[in-house]
């Protein structure tokens, strides 16, 4: 044990010292920016606690079924969070284990393979779980206060949550090794696609909308609630780790300490078993999978094998290869010569880098999967809404949801684009365009791609909410403005706070610049949605057109446009200026 513990302890000490130095270096940053981030984080914690506290008290007041609703909500929340944690650990573990320069460097050192895997497992688990901990902390505090729990509830919850995150961390690392080892096998690919299709079919069948009559909603409310509880019963499957955590929390809050201790011991035993299994037995499997990943080509080249035949044919052709497109991507980008050659080369480079990075498109699929679930549930969420107030409220909440998804995309994928150029950024700067034009090109490419996605999402959501053409056009125009602003914000801050030493996009986003980008994006979205809602031309009452105030609406829209121009132009201008100074 000592031979493995010493290198692992050394890696931990180096990581802690590096984190401490980065924290100390924050003093060199603007105190205004640091203060803004601290205020935002504290504000989120207070606001989330207030909302959870109000919601739990509101549900608890339902006669006869209040406790049941709160219990089901607790089980459902932890079940979904466990699934999201598992996916997040899978993607981040794959990146950290097989697409990370530090991992490749450590494997060349006289460090045991098991130690390298243990370190990366710990790092991936923490990186994938910090947002989960930040999300549930206000909810658990509110749950404890609503139930008037004893003082030991809170330290016990910290221990239970720490044990809980071990299970998706170990499972995600094991699945990433399995995926890396066998991803190039045709049978495994067929099995994986079949499993994904089966999961999609189960989700679609489980969340399909039910036809509910108007009289049922008025006279048979209990029957409707019973069907809702039936559809969420899967969260109470006894073999789910989320069930053990939820049951322990619930029993501890109710004073049933023996039952809470039983489920806590079940969680502890599984965390110890699978944690020990992962840290002691997966090291050799990780090394074998790493050797396979580094020695084989891209799996997409296997799927597109006909391209090799085409390249051989071109090699023997009389025309020069420089005059013909190298593959289908060059052919599409070079269609009718719309894009200049230098722009086409840079766009093709970014697209190929994105396509070859498994973590990037893996998280993209994850995000689009969540958007699909959101769209599916919109069909029956507003089926019975007929009040102008609720229609307006849901429409602006949908605008906020679309904008938050846009902020997620820009922060996660657009912000680290400049930093991902790495230490080779000077090579890109030697392009005929110049480094400033390269950053501008990244902005326009990101804006074009996200604009298509967000317009489709906006049109689909407005159609499913049965909004009229005027409202749909208004929200589509609003999303267009937000798309330009949030992309400019992400590109500008990405150029202002680059991290050329890091190759993992998740770590780049988790730094100071990524956090600041997320904070500003969130504040911009909240203020924009509130302004537009206050100046809504459709009003909030049955006499909406009579209550419409043109002056109030004009003021709200003017402030929104001015704020959008400032929030987008200023960061992008500052970022381009820094890039220009760096280039000079």
Protein backbone atom coordinates (compact mmCIF):
# COMPACT_ATOMS: atom_id res chain seq x y z
CA UNK A 1 0.00 0.00 0.00
CA UNK A 2 2.85 2.39 0.75
CA UNK A 3 4.26 2.09 -2.79
CA UNK A 4 0.92 3.26 -4.19
CA UNK A 5 0.06 5.75 -1.46
CA UNK A 6 3.25 7.82 -1.79
CA UNK A 7 2.77 8.84 -5.48
CA UNK A 8 -0.95 9.43 -4.91
CA UNK A 9 -0.17 11.63 -1.91
CA UNK A 10 2.33 13.54 -4.01
CA UNK A 11 -0.25 14.13 -6.76
CA UNK A 12 -2.77 15.31 -4.18
CA UNK A 13 -0.28 17.72 -2.63
CA UNK A 14 0.67 19.15 -6.02
CA UNK A 15 -2.99 19.60 -6.93
CA UNK A 16 -3.84 21.27 -3.63
CA UNK A 17 -0.88 23.65 -3.90
CA UNK A 18 -1.76 24.48 -7.49
CA UNK A 19 -5.37 25.18 -6.52
CA UNK A 20 -4.21 27.36 -3.62
CA UNK A 21 -1.91 29.37 -5.88
CA UNK A 22 -4.72 29.90 -8.38
CA UNK A 23 -6.89 31.08 -5.52
CA UNK A 24 -4.21 33.47 -4.33
CA UNK A 25 -3.72 34.70 -7.89
CA UNK A 26 -7.35 35.81 -7.93
CA UNK A 27 -6.24 38.78 -5.85
CA UNK A 28 -4.61 40.10 -9.01
CA UNK A 29 -7.98 40.07 -10.74
CA UNK A 30 -10.44 42.92 -10.50
CA UNK A 31 -12.03 43.10 -7.07
CA UNK A 32 -15.22 44.25 -8.75
CA UNK A 33 -15.43 41.04 -10.77
CA UNK A 34 -14.67 38.89 -7.73
CA UNK A 35 -17.26 40.75 -5.70
CA UNK A 36 -19.83 40.28 -8.44
CA UNK A 37 -19.23 36.52 -8.53
CA UNK A 38 -19.42 36.24 -4.74
CA UNK A 39 -22.65 38.26 -4.67
CA UNK A 40 -24.12 36.08 -7.42
CA UNK A 41 -23.23 32.83 -5.68
CA UNK A 42 -24.59 34.08 -2.37
CA UNK A 43 -27.69 35.42 -4.09
CA UNK A 44 -28.29 32.10 -5.80
CA UNK A 45 -27.97 30.23 -2.50
CA UNK A 46 -30.41 32.57 -0.75
CA UNK A 47 -32.89 32.61 -3.65
CA UNK A 48 -32.76 28.83 -4.11
CA UNK A 49 -33.26 28.29 -0.39
CA UNK A 50 -36.24 30.67 -0.36
CA UNK A 51 -37.86 28.98 -3.37
CA UNK A 52 -37.33 25.47 -1.99
CA UNK A 53 -38.57 26.52 1.44
CA UNK A 54 -41.71 28.11 -0.02
CA UNK A 55 -42.35 25.17 -2.35
CA UNK A 56 -41.96 22.52 0.34
CA UNK A 57 -44.23 24.41 2.72
CA UNK A 58 -46.80 24.92 -0.04
CA UNK A 59 -46.85 21.23 -0.98
CA UNK A 60 -46.96 20.17 2.66
CA UNK A 61 -50.20 22.10 3.20
CA UNK A 62 -52.16 19.96 0.74
CA UNK A 63 -54.70 18.11 2.90
CA UNK A 64 -54.03 14.40 3.09
CA UNK A 65 -51.48 14.20 0.27
CA UNK A 66 -48.99 16.94 1.13
CA UNK A 67 -46.50 14.61 2.78
CA UNK A 68 -46.85 12.12 -0.07
CA UNK A 69 -46.11 14.80 -2.68
CA UNK A 70 -43.04 16.01 -0.81
CA UNK A 71 -41.80 12.44 -0.41
CA UNK A 72 -42.27 11.65 -4.11
CA UNK A 73 -40.59 14.92 -5.08
CA UNK A 74 -37.56 14.01 -2.96
CA UNK A 75 -37.23 10.54 -4.48
CA UNK A 76 -37.77 11.87 -8.01
CA UNK A 77 -35.19 14.64 -7.62
CA UNK A 78 -32.43 12.33 -6.42
CA UNK A 79 -33.28 9.73 -9.10
CA UNK A 80 -32.85 12.25 -11.91
CA UNK A 81 -29.75 13.72 -10.29
CA UNK A 82 -28.23 10.25 -10.07
CA UNK A 83 -28.84 9.70 -13.80
CA UNK A 84 -27.31 13.08 -14.64
CA UNK A 85 -24.34 12.40 -12.37
CA UNK A 86 -23.77 9.07 -14.09
CA UNK A 87 -23.77 10.65 -17.55
CA UNK A 88 -21.56 13.52 -16.39
CA UNK A 89 -19.05 11.13 -14.80
CA UNK A 90 -19.01 8.99 -17.93
CA UNK A 91 -18.19 11.91 -20.23
CA UNK A 92 -15.68 13.59 -17.90
CA UNK A 93 -13.98 10.30 -16.97
CA UNK A 94 -13.52 9.41 -20.64
CA UNK A 95 -11.94 12.81 -21.28
CA UNK A 96 -9.74 12.69 -18.19
CA UNK A 97 -8.56 9.13 -18.73
CA UNK A 98 -8.07 8.94 -22.49
CA UNK A 99 -8.04 12.50 -23.89
CA UNK A 100 -5.88 14.25 -21.35
CA UNK A 101 -2.22 15.24 -21.75
CA UNK A 102 -1.54 14.96 -18.04
CA UNK A 103 -2.72 11.35 -18.08
CA UNK A 104 -0.48 10.52 -21.04
CA UNK A 105 2.43 12.17 -19.27
CA UNK A 106 1.81 10.32 -15.98
CA UNK A 107 1.69 6.97 -17.78
CA UNK A 108 5.27 7.53 -18.96
CA UNK A 109 6.56 8.11 -15.42
CA UNK A 110 7.58 5.41 -12.93
CA UNK A 111 4.16 5.72 -11.28
CA UNK A 112 1.94 2.65 -10.83
CA UNK A 113 -0.94 2.51 -13.27
CA UNK A 114 -3.36 2.00 -10.42
CA UNK A 115 -2.19 5.25 -8.83
CA UNK A 116 -2.72 7.19 -12.06
CA UNK A 117 -6.23 5.78 -12.34
CA UNK A 118 -7.01 6.53 -8.69
CA UNK A 119 -5.93 10.13 -9.11
CA UNK A 120 -7.95 10.62 -12.29
CA UNK A 121 -10.96 8.89 -10.73
CA UNK A 122 -10.88 11.29 -7.79
CA UNK A 123 -10.40 14.30 -10.04
CA UNK A 124 -13.21 13.29 -12.41
CA UNK A 125 -15.65 12.58 -9.57
CA UNK A 126 -15.05 15.96 -7.95
CA UNK A 127 -15.24 17.78 -11.27
CA UNK A 128 -18.52 16.10 -12.18
CA UNK A 129 -20.15 16.46 -8.75
CA UNK A 130 -19.47 20.02 -7.58
CA UNK A 131 -22.48 21.43 -9.44
CA UNK A 132 -24.66 18.67 -7.93
CA UNK A 133 -23.52 19.61 -4.43
CA UNK A 134 -24.09 23.31 -5.12
CA UNK A 135 -27.61 22.56 -6.38
CA UNK A 136 -28.92 20.34 -3.58
CA UNK A 137 -27.39 22.18 -0.61
CA UNK A 138 -30.14 24.87 -0.42
CA UNK A 139 -32.83 22.24 -0.95
CA UNK A 140 -31.62 19.99 1.87
CA UNK A 141 -31.31 22.95 4.25
CA UNK A 142 -34.86 24.04 3.39
CA UNK A 143 -36.13 20.47 3.79
CA UNK A 144 -34.53 20.25 7.23
CA UNK A 145 -36.02 23.55 8.40
CA UNK A 146 -39.50 22.68 7.14
CA UNK A 147 -39.40 19.38 9.06
CA UNK A 148 -37.78 20.88 12.20
CA UNK A 149 -34.98 18.31 12.23
CA UNK A 150 -32.38 17.83 14.93
CA UNK A 151 -28.92 19.38 14.66
CA UNK A 152 -27.21 16.13 13.64
CA UNK A 153 -29.31 15.99 10.45
CA UNK A 154 -27.03 18.40 8.59
CA UNK A 155 -23.61 16.77 9.26
CA UNK A 156 -25.19 13.38 8.57
CA UNK A 157 -26.46 14.64 5.22
CA UNK A 158 -22.94 15.77 4.30
CA UNK A 159 -21.64 12.24 4.93
CA UNK A 160 -24.52 10.61 3.02
CA UNK A 161 -24.06 12.86 -0.03
CA UNK A 162 -20.30 12.18 0.00
CA UNK A 163 -21.01 8.44 -0.07
CA UNK A 164 -23.65 8.90 -2.75
CA UNK A 165 -21.36 10.60 -5.28
CA UNK A 166 -18.89 7.71 -5.02
CA UNK A 167 -21.27 5.34 -6.82
CA UNK A 168 -21.82 7.32 -10.07
CA UNK A 169 -18.11 8.23 -10.02
CA UNK A 170 -17.02 4.58 -9.93
CA UNK A 171 -19.73 3.52 -12.40
CA UNK A 172 -18.85 6.34 -14.82
CA UNK A 173 -15.15 5.44 -14.73
CA UNK A 174 -15.89 1.76 -15.32
CA UNK A 175 -18.25 2.51 -18.21
CA UNK A 176 -15.73 4.88 -19.78
CA UNK A 177 -13.09 2.13 -19.73
CA UNK A 178 -15.56 -0.32 -21.28
CA UNK A 179 -16.53 2.23 -23.92
CA UNK A 180 -12.92 3.06 -24.78
CA UNK A 181 -11.88 -0.58 -24.95
CA UNK A 182 -14.63 -1.90 -27.21
CA UNK A 183 -15.94 1.13 -29.09
CA UNK A 184 -14.31 0.08 -32.36
CA UNK A 185 -16.03 -3.32 -32.38
CA UNK A 186 -19.05 -3.59 -34.64
CA UNK A 187 -21.00 -5.82 -32.25
CA UNK A 188 -20.46 -3.38 -29.41
CA UNK A 189 -21.58 -0.47 -31.58
CA UNK A 190 -24.77 -2.30 -32.55
CA UNK A 191 -25.42 -3.21 -28.92
CA UNK A 192 -24.83 0.39 -27.79
CA UNK A 193 -27.14 1.84 -30.46
CA UNK A 194 -29.80 -0.74 -29.58
CA UNK A 195 -29.56 0.14 -25.90
CA UNK A 196 -29.89 3.87 -26.64
CA UNK A 197 -32.94 3.25 -28.84
CA UNK A 198 -34.49 1.13 -26.09
CA UNK A 199 -33.94 3.88 -23.54
CA UNK A 200 -35.49 6.46 -25.88
CA UNK A 201 -38.49 4.19 -26.47
CA UNK A 202 -39.00 3.69 -22.73
CA UNK A 203 -38.76 7.43 -22.06
CA UNK A 204 -41.20 8.27 -24.84
CA UNK A 205 -43.70 5.66 -23.67
CA UNK A 206 -43.32 6.70 -20.04
CA UNK A 207 -43.77 10.41 -20.62
CA UNK A 208 -46.35 10.30 -23.39
CA UNK A 209 -49.19 12.78 -22.82
CA UNK A 210 -52.46 11.48 -21.49
CA UNK A 211 -55.83 12.73 -22.65
CA UNK A 212 -57.44 14.41 -19.67
CA UNK A 213 -60.96 15.78 -19.91
CA UNK A 214 -61.92 19.12 -18.45
CA UNK A 215 -64.43 17.64 -16.00
CA UNK A 216 -61.75 15.27 -14.70
CA UNK A 217 -59.56 18.19 -13.69
CA UNK A 218 -62.41 19.79 -11.79
CA UNK A 219 -64.15 16.81 -10.19
CA UNK A 220 -61.56 14.04 -10.12
CA UNK A 221 -58.40 15.79 -8.98
CA UNK A 222 -57.38 12.87 -6.79
CA UNK A 223 -57.59 10.49 -9.75
CA UNK A 224 -55.34 12.77 -11.80
CA UNK A 225 -52.83 13.04 -8.94
CA UNK A 226 -52.91 9.27 -8.58
CA UNK A 227 -51.93 8.88 -12.24
CA UNK A 228 -49.13 11.39 -11.77
CA UNK A 229 -47.81 9.46 -8.78
CA UNK A 230 -48.06 6.23 -10.76
CA UNK A 231 -45.88 7.65 -13.54
CA UNK A 232 -43.18 8.61 -11.04
CA UNK A 233 -43.16 5.35 -9.10
CA UNK A 234 -39.95 4.27 -10.86
CA UNK A 235 -38.04 6.65 -8.56
CA UNK A 236 -38.89 4.38 -5.61
CA UNK A 237 -37.22 1.28 -7.03
CA UNK A 238 -35.41 -0.18 -3.98
CA UNK A 239 -32.20 -1.07 -5.85
CA UNK A 240 -31.48 2.51 -6.92
CA UNK A 241 -28.77 4.33 -4.93
CA UNK A 242 -30.98 7.42 -5.05
CA UNK A 243 -33.62 5.43 -3.17
CA UNK A 244 -31.22 4.66 -0.32
CA UNK A 245 -30.20 8.30 0.00
CA UNK A 246 -33.77 9.60 -0.23
CA UNK A 247 -35.09 7.03 2.24
CA UNK A 248 -32.32 7.79 4.72
CA UNK A 249 -32.94 11.55 4.48
CA UNK A 250 -36.71 11.14 4.84
CA UNK A 251 -36.54 8.75 7.78
CA UNK A 252 -33.97 10.90 9.56
CA UNK A 253 -36.19 13.98 9.14
CA UNK A 254 -39.17 12.05 10.55
CA UNK A 255 -37.20 10.77 13.53
CA UNK A 256 -37.05 7.13 12.42
CA UNK A 257 -33.35 6.82 13.16
CA UNK A 258 -33.17 3.03 12.88
CA UNK A 259 -34.61 3.02 9.36
CA UNK A 260 -32.41 5.97 8.41
CA UNK A 261 -29.37 4.15 9.78
CA UNK A 262 -30.27 1.01 7.83
CA UNK A 263 -30.43 2.80 4.48
CA UNK A 264 -27.28 4.76 5.37
CA UNK A 265 -25.44 1.48 6.01
CA UNK A 266 -26.72 0.09 2.69
CA UNK A 267 -25.35 3.16 0.96
CA UNK A 268 -22.07 2.91 2.90
CA UNK A 269 -21.58 -0.77 2.06
CA UNK A 270 -22.13 -0.22 -1.67
CA UNK A 271 -19.91 2.87 -1.73
CA UNK A 272 -17.10 0.99 0.03
CA UNK A 273 -17.44 -2.09 -2.15
CA UNK A 274 -17.62 -0.39 -5.54
CA UNK A 275 -15.16 2.32 -4.50
CA UNK A 276 -12.61 -0.29 -3.44
CA UNK A 277 -13.33 -2.33 -6.58
CA UNK A 278 -12.72 0.69 -8.80
CA UNK A 279 -9.57 1.91 -7.06
CA UNK A 280 -7.91 -1.51 -6.82
CA UNK A 281 -9.05 -3.48 -9.87
CA UNK A 282 -9.64 -1.04 -12.71
CA UNK A 283 -6.03 0.17 -13.00
CA UNK A 284 -4.83 -2.60 -15.35
CA UNK A 285 -8.05 -2.37 -17.38
CA UNK A 286 -7.51 1.39 -17.71
CA UNK A 287 -3.94 0.89 -18.96
CA UNK A 288 -5.06 -1.69 -21.52
CA UNK A 289 -7.89 0.54 -22.74
CA UNK A 290 -5.52 3.52 -22.93
CA UNK A 291 -3.10 1.50 -25.08
CA UNK A 292 -5.94 0.51 -27.39
CA UNK A 293 -7.23 4.10 -27.70
CA UNK A 294 -3.76 5.51 -28.44
CA UNK A 295 -2.94 2.84 -31.01
CA UNK A 296 -6.08 2.87 -33.10
CA UNK A 297 -7.41 5.49 -35.47
CA UNK A 298 -10.66 7.34 -35.23
CA UNK A 299 -13.70 5.13 -35.24
CA UNK A 300 -15.38 7.55 -37.61
CA UNK A 301 -12.77 6.66 -40.23
CA UNK A 302 -13.99 3.06 -39.96
CA UNK A 303 -17.56 4.14 -40.52
CA UNK A 304 -16.54 6.29 -43.50
CA UNK A 305 -14.17 3.79 -45.09
CA UNK A 306 -15.22 4.80 -48.56
CA UNK A 307 -13.32 8.04 -48.08
CA UNK A 308 -10.05 6.11 -48.25
CA UNK A 309 -11.07 4.67 -51.59
CA UNK A 310 -11.91 8.17 -52.77
CA UNK A 311 -8.55 9.52 -51.61
CA UNK A 312 -6.69 6.78 -53.45
CA UNK A 313 -8.62 7.58 -56.59
CA UNK A 314 -7.74 11.24 -56.23
CA UNK A 315 -4.08 10.40 -55.66
CA UNK A 316 -3.91 8.78 -59.08
CA UNK A 317 -5.92 11.49 -60.81
CA UNK A 318 -4.27 13.85 -63.23
CA UNK A 319 -5.47 16.96 -61.45
CA UNK A 320 -3.56 18.23 -58.44
CA UNK A 321 -4.96 17.48 -55.01
CA UNK A 322 -4.61 21.16 -54.17
CA UNK A 323 -7.31 21.98 -56.71
CA UNK A 324 -9.84 19.46 -55.41
CA UNK A 325 -11.55 19.07 -52.04
CA UNK A 326 -9.92 16.57 -49.70
CA UNK A 327 -13.19 15.17 -48.27
CA UNK A 328 -16.90 15.89 -48.01
CA UNK A 329 -16.36 18.65 -45.45
CA UNK A 330 -14.05 20.57 -47.77
CA UNK A 331 -16.53 20.03 -50.58
CA UNK A 332 -19.42 21.47 -48.55
CA UNK A 333 -17.45 24.45 -47.25
CA UNK A 334 -16.02 25.16 -50.69
CA UNK A 335 -19.40 25.07 -52.44
CA UNK A 336 -19.46 27.71 -55.20
CA UNK A 337 -16.46 29.39 -53.60
CA UNK A 338 -18.61 31.37 -51.15
CA UNK A 339 -16.04 31.09 -48.36
CA UNK A 340 -12.45 32.22 -49.00
CA UNK A 341 -9.80 29.54 -48.76
CA UNK A 342 -8.29 30.79 -45.49
CA UNK A 343 -11.71 31.04 -43.80
CA UNK A 344 -12.65 27.62 -45.11
CA UNK A 345 -9.47 26.10 -43.67
CA UNK A 346 -10.05 27.54 -40.20
CA UNK A 347 -13.71 26.50 -40.13
CA UNK A 348 -12.80 22.98 -41.26
CA UNK A 349 -10.13 22.79 -38.55
CA UNK A 350 -12.57 23.72 -35.77
CA UNK A 351 -15.21 21.31 -37.06
CA UNK A 352 -12.74 18.42 -37.26
CA UNK A 353 -11.40 19.11 -33.78
CA UNK A 354 -14.93 19.16 -32.40
CA UNK A 355 -15.90 15.97 -34.26
CA UNK A 356 -12.84 14.06 -33.10
CA UNK A 357 -13.28 15.05 -29.45
CA UNK A 358 -15.52 12.41 -27.94
CA UNK A 359 -16.21 14.48 -24.85
CA UNK A 360 -17.43 17.44 -26.90
CA UNK A 361 -20.00 15.69 -29.02
CA UNK A 362 -20.87 13.36 -26.15
CA UNK A 363 -21.92 16.33 -24.02
CA UNK A 364 -23.68 17.78 -27.05
CA UNK A 365 -25.80 14.64 -27.33
CA UNK A 366 -26.50 14.83 -23.61
CA UNK A 367 -27.66 18.43 -23.88
CA UNK A 368 -29.87 17.73 -26.89
CA UNK A 369 -31.34 14.75 -25.05
CA UNK A 370 -32.39 17.03 -22.19
CA UNK A 371 -33.85 19.50 -24.69
CA UNK A 372 -35.82 16.67 -26.29
CA UNK A 373 -37.30 15.69 -22.92
CA UNK A 374 -38.21 19.34 -22.33
CA UNK A 375 -39.95 19.61 -25.70
CA UNK A 376 -41.82 16.32 -25.19
CA UNK A 377 -43.20 17.44 -21.84
CA UNK A 378 -44.34 20.80 -23.19
CA UNK A 379 -47.09 19.04 -25.12
CA UNK A 380 -49.14 18.24 -22.05
CA UNK A 381 -47.77 20.80 -19.59
CA UNK A 382 -50.07 23.59 -20.81
CA UNK A 383 -52.93 21.49 -22.12
CA UNK A 384 -55.49 23.11 -19.81
CA UNK A 385 -54.15 26.66 -19.63
CA UNK A 386 -56.78 29.18 -20.65
CA UNK A 387 -56.09 32.14 -18.37
CA UNK A 388 -54.18 35.04 -19.98
CA UNK A 389 -52.07 35.36 -16.85
CA UNK A 390 -50.87 31.76 -16.92
CA UNK A 391 -50.40 31.79 -20.69
CA UNK A 392 -48.18 34.88 -20.43
CA UNK A 393 -46.32 33.49 -17.43
CA UNK A 394 -45.59 30.14 -19.10
CA UNK A 395 -44.57 31.82 -22.37
CA UNK A 396 -41.97 34.00 -20.63
CA UNK A 397 -40.81 31.09 -18.50
CA UNK A 398 -40.29 29.21 -21.76
CA UNK A 399 -38.29 32.18 -23.07
CA UNK A 400 -36.14 32.03 -19.94
CA UNK A 401 -35.66 28.28 -20.34
CA UNK A 402 -34.60 28.67 -23.99
CA UNK A 403 -32.21 31.48 -23.04
CA UNK A 404 -30.69 29.45 -20.21
CA UNK A 405 -30.10 26.57 -22.62
CA UNK A 406 -28.42 29.04 -24.94
CA UNK A 407 -26.23 30.28 -22.07
CA UNK A 408 -25.30 26.67 -21.30
CA UNK A 409 -24.23 26.10 -24.90
CA UNK A 410 -22.22 29.32 -25.17
CA UNK A 411 -20.51 28.90 -21.80
CA UNK A 412 -19.72 25.21 -22.25
CA UNK A 413 -18.77 25.11 -25.94
CA UNK A 414 -18.05 28.67 -27.16
CA UNK A 415 -16.12 30.14 -24.23
CA UNK A 416 -13.24 27.56 -24.28
CA UNK A 417 -12.75 27.71 -28.06
CA UNK A 418 -9.91 30.25 -27.94
CA UNK A 419 -8.22 28.51 -25.00
CA UNK A 420 -8.36 25.14 -26.79
CA UNK A 421 -5.94 26.47 -29.37
CA UNK A 422 -3.39 25.85 -26.61
CA UNK A 423 0.26 26.72 -26.92
CA UNK A 424 -0.10 26.41 -30.69
CA UNK A 425 -2.15 29.62 -30.81
CA UNK A 426 0.81 31.41 -32.39
CA UNK A 427 0.55 29.01 -35.35
CA UNK A 428 -3.07 30.06 -35.86
CA UNK A 429 -1.98 33.66 -35.48
CA UNK A 430 0.34 33.23 -38.48
CA UNK A 431 -2.65 32.64 -40.73
CA UNK A 432 -3.25 35.34 -43.37
CA UNK A 433 -6.38 36.39 -41.48
CA UNK A 434 -4.51 37.35 -38.32
CA UNK A 435 -5.38 36.31 -34.78
CA UNK A 436 -8.01 39.04 -34.32
CA UNK A 437 -9.85 37.94 -37.45
CA UNK A 438 -9.63 34.34 -36.24
CA UNK A 439 -11.43 35.29 -33.01
CA UNK A 440 -14.05 37.18 -35.01
CA UNK A 441 -14.51 34.14 -37.21
CA UNK A 442 -15.07 31.96 -34.14
CA UNK A 443 -17.76 34.40 -33.01
CA UNK A 444 -19.60 34.31 -36.34
CA UNK A 445 -19.38 30.54 -36.67
CA UNK A 446 -20.63 29.99 -33.12
CA UNK A 447 -23.42 32.52 -33.61
CA UNK A 448 -24.58 30.90 -36.85
CA UNK A 449 -24.61 27.39 -35.34
CA UNK A 450 -26.37 28.35 -32.11
CA UNK A 451 -28.85 30.60 -33.93
CA UNK A 452 -30.12 27.66 -35.97
CA UNK A 453 -30.49 25.49 -32.86
CA UNK A 454 -32.22 28.18 -30.81
CA UNK A 455 -34.62 29.18 -33.58
CA UNK A 456 -35.72 25.56 -33.99
CA UNK A 457 -36.13 25.23 -30.21
CA UNK A 458 -38.09 28.50 -29.98
CA UNK A 459 -40.41 27.67 -32.85
CA UNK A 460 -41.08 24.17 -31.55
CA UNK A 461 -41.75 25.33 -28.00
CA UNK A 462 -44.02 28.19 -29.12
CA UNK A 463 -45.96 25.82 -31.38
CA UNK A 464 -46.43 23.29 -28.58
CA UNK A 465 -47.56 26.09 -26.25
CA UNK A 466 -50.15 27.15 -28.88
CA UNK A 467 -48.85 30.70 -29.06
CA UNK A 468 -49.99 32.86 -31.95
CA UNK A 469 -47.84 33.97 -34.89
CA UNK A 470 -47.26 37.42 -33.37
CA UNK A 471 -45.95 36.03 -30.08
CA UNK A 472 -43.87 33.42 -31.88
CA UNK A 473 -42.24 36.09 -34.06
CA UNK A 474 -41.63 38.28 -31.00
CA UNK A 475 -39.91 35.48 -29.06
CA UNK A 476 -37.93 34.40 -32.15
CA UNK A 477 -36.63 37.97 -32.56
CA UNK A 478 -35.79 38.14 -28.85
CA UNK A 479 -33.87 34.87 -29.00
CA UNK A 480 -31.98 36.15 -32.04
CA UNK A 481 -30.79 39.19 -30.10
CA UNK A 482 -29.84 37.02 -27.12
CA UNK A 483 -27.92 34.65 -29.38
CA UNK A 484 -25.68 37.43 -30.68
CA UNK A 485 -25.19 38.86 -27.19
CA UNK A 486 -24.37 35.61 -25.38
CA UNK A 487 -21.99 34.46 -28.11
CA UNK A 488 -20.21 37.82 -28.07
CA UNK A 489 -20.00 37.60 -24.29
CA UNK A 490 -18.56 34.07 -24.38
CA UNK A 491 -16.04 34.80 -27.15
CA UNK A 492 -14.95 38.10 -25.58
CA UNK A 493 -14.47 36.68 -22.09
CA UNK A 494 -12.80 33.60 -23.58
CA UNK A 495 -10.22 35.90 -25.17
CA UNK A 496 -9.88 37.99 -22.00
CA UNK A 497 -9.33 35.00 -19.69
CA UNK A 498 -7.65 32.27 -21.79
CA UNK A 499 -6.11 29.13 -20.31
CA UNK A 500 -3.68 27.75 -22.87
CA UNK A 501 -2.23 25.18 -20.47
CA UNK A 502 -5.47 23.21 -20.05
CA UNK A 503 -6.81 20.84 -22.71
CA UNK A 504 -9.97 19.74 -20.88
CA UNK A 505 -12.89 22.07 -21.79
CA UNK A 506 -14.67 21.23 -18.52
CA UNK A 507 -11.72 22.52 -16.49
CA UNK A 508 -11.46 25.64 -18.65
CA UNK A 509 -15.11 26.44 -18.05
CA UNK A 510 -14.71 25.77 -14.32
CA UNK A 511 -12.07 28.51 -14.03
CA UNK A 512 -12.50 32.17 -13.21
CA UNK A 513 -13.36 33.26 -16.74
CA UNK A 514 -15.92 30.51 -17.30
CA UNK A 515 -17.61 31.19 -13.97
CA UNK A 516 -17.70 34.91 -14.71
CA UNK A 517 -19.18 34.22 -18.16
CA UNK A 518 -21.91 32.06 -16.63
CA UNK A 519 -22.68 34.71 -13.98
CA UNK A 520 -22.99 37.53 -16.52
CA UNK A 521 -25.07 35.35 -18.87
CA UNK A 522 -27.44 34.44 -16.06
CA UNK A 523 -27.83 38.05 -14.92
CA UNK A 524 -28.41 39.24 -18.48
CA UNK A 525 -31.09 36.60 -19.07
CA UNK A 526 -32.94 37.30 -15.81
CA UNK A 527 -33.00 41.07 -16.32
CA UNK A 528 -33.97 40.71 -19.99
CA UNK A 529 -36.87 38.33 -19.35
CA UNK A 530 -38.20 40.54 -16.53
CA UNK A 531 -37.98 43.67 -18.70
CA UNK A 532 -39.72 42.02 -21.65
CA UNK A 533 -42.41 40.56 -19.39
CA UNK A 534 -43.14 43.95 -17.82
CA UNK A 535 -43.50 45.52 -21.27
CA UNK A 536 -45.45 42.64 -22.79
CA UNK A 537 -47.92 43.85 -25.43
CA UNK A 538 -50.25 40.97 -24.60
CA UNK A 539 -50.69 41.88 -20.94
CA UNK A 540 -51.51 39.67 -18.00
CA UNK A 541 -55.28 40.08 -17.62
CA UNK A 542 -58.36 39.20 -19.71
CA UNK A 543 -58.47 42.79 -20.96
CA UNK A 544 -54.87 42.60 -22.12
CA UNK A 545 -55.19 44.94 -25.07
CA UNK A 546 -56.99 47.56 -22.98
CA UNK A 547 -54.28 47.35 -20.30
CA UNK A 548 -51.44 47.66 -22.80
CA UNK A 549 -49.28 50.74 -22.19
CA UNK A 550 -47.17 51.65 -25.26
CA UNK A 551 -44.88 53.96 -23.27
CA UNK A 552 -44.07 51.25 -20.74
CA UNK A 553 -43.47 48.70 -23.48
CA UNK A 554 -41.23 51.09 -25.45
CA UNK A 555 -39.20 51.83 -22.34
CA UNK A 556 -38.74 48.12 -21.56
CA UNK A 557 -37.70 47.26 -25.11
CA UNK A 558 -35.35 50.24 -25.34
CA UNK A 559 -33.61 49.29 -22.11
CA UNK A 560 -33.40 45.67 -23.29
CA UNK A 561 -31.78 46.62 -26.60
CA UNK A 562 -29.33 49.06 -25.00
CA UNK A 563 -28.37 46.52 -22.34
CA UNK A 564 -27.96 43.84 -25.02
CA UNK A 565 -25.71 46.09 -27.10
CA UNK A 566 -23.55 46.89 -24.08
CA UNK A 567 -23.42 43.29 -22.78
CA UNK A 568 -22.38 41.97 -26.18
CA UNK A 569 -20.20 44.70 -27.67
CA UNK A 570 -18.11 45.60 -24.63
CA UNK A 571 -16.73 42.11 -23.74
CA UNK A 572 -16.11 41.29 -27.40
CA UNK A 573 -14.33 44.60 -27.96
CA UNK A 574 -12.16 44.15 -24.86
CA UNK A 575 -11.32 40.58 -25.87
CA UNK A 576 -10.34 41.57 -29.40
CA UNK A 577 -8.22 44.42 -28.03
CA UNK A 578 -6.36 42.04 -25.73
CA UNK A 579 -5.78 39.61 -28.60
CA UNK A 580 -4.51 42.47 -30.76
CA UNK A 581 -2.11 43.63 -28.05
CA UNK A 582 -0.92 40.06 -27.51
CA UNK A 583 -0.37 39.62 -31.23
CA UNK A 584 1.67 42.80 -31.44
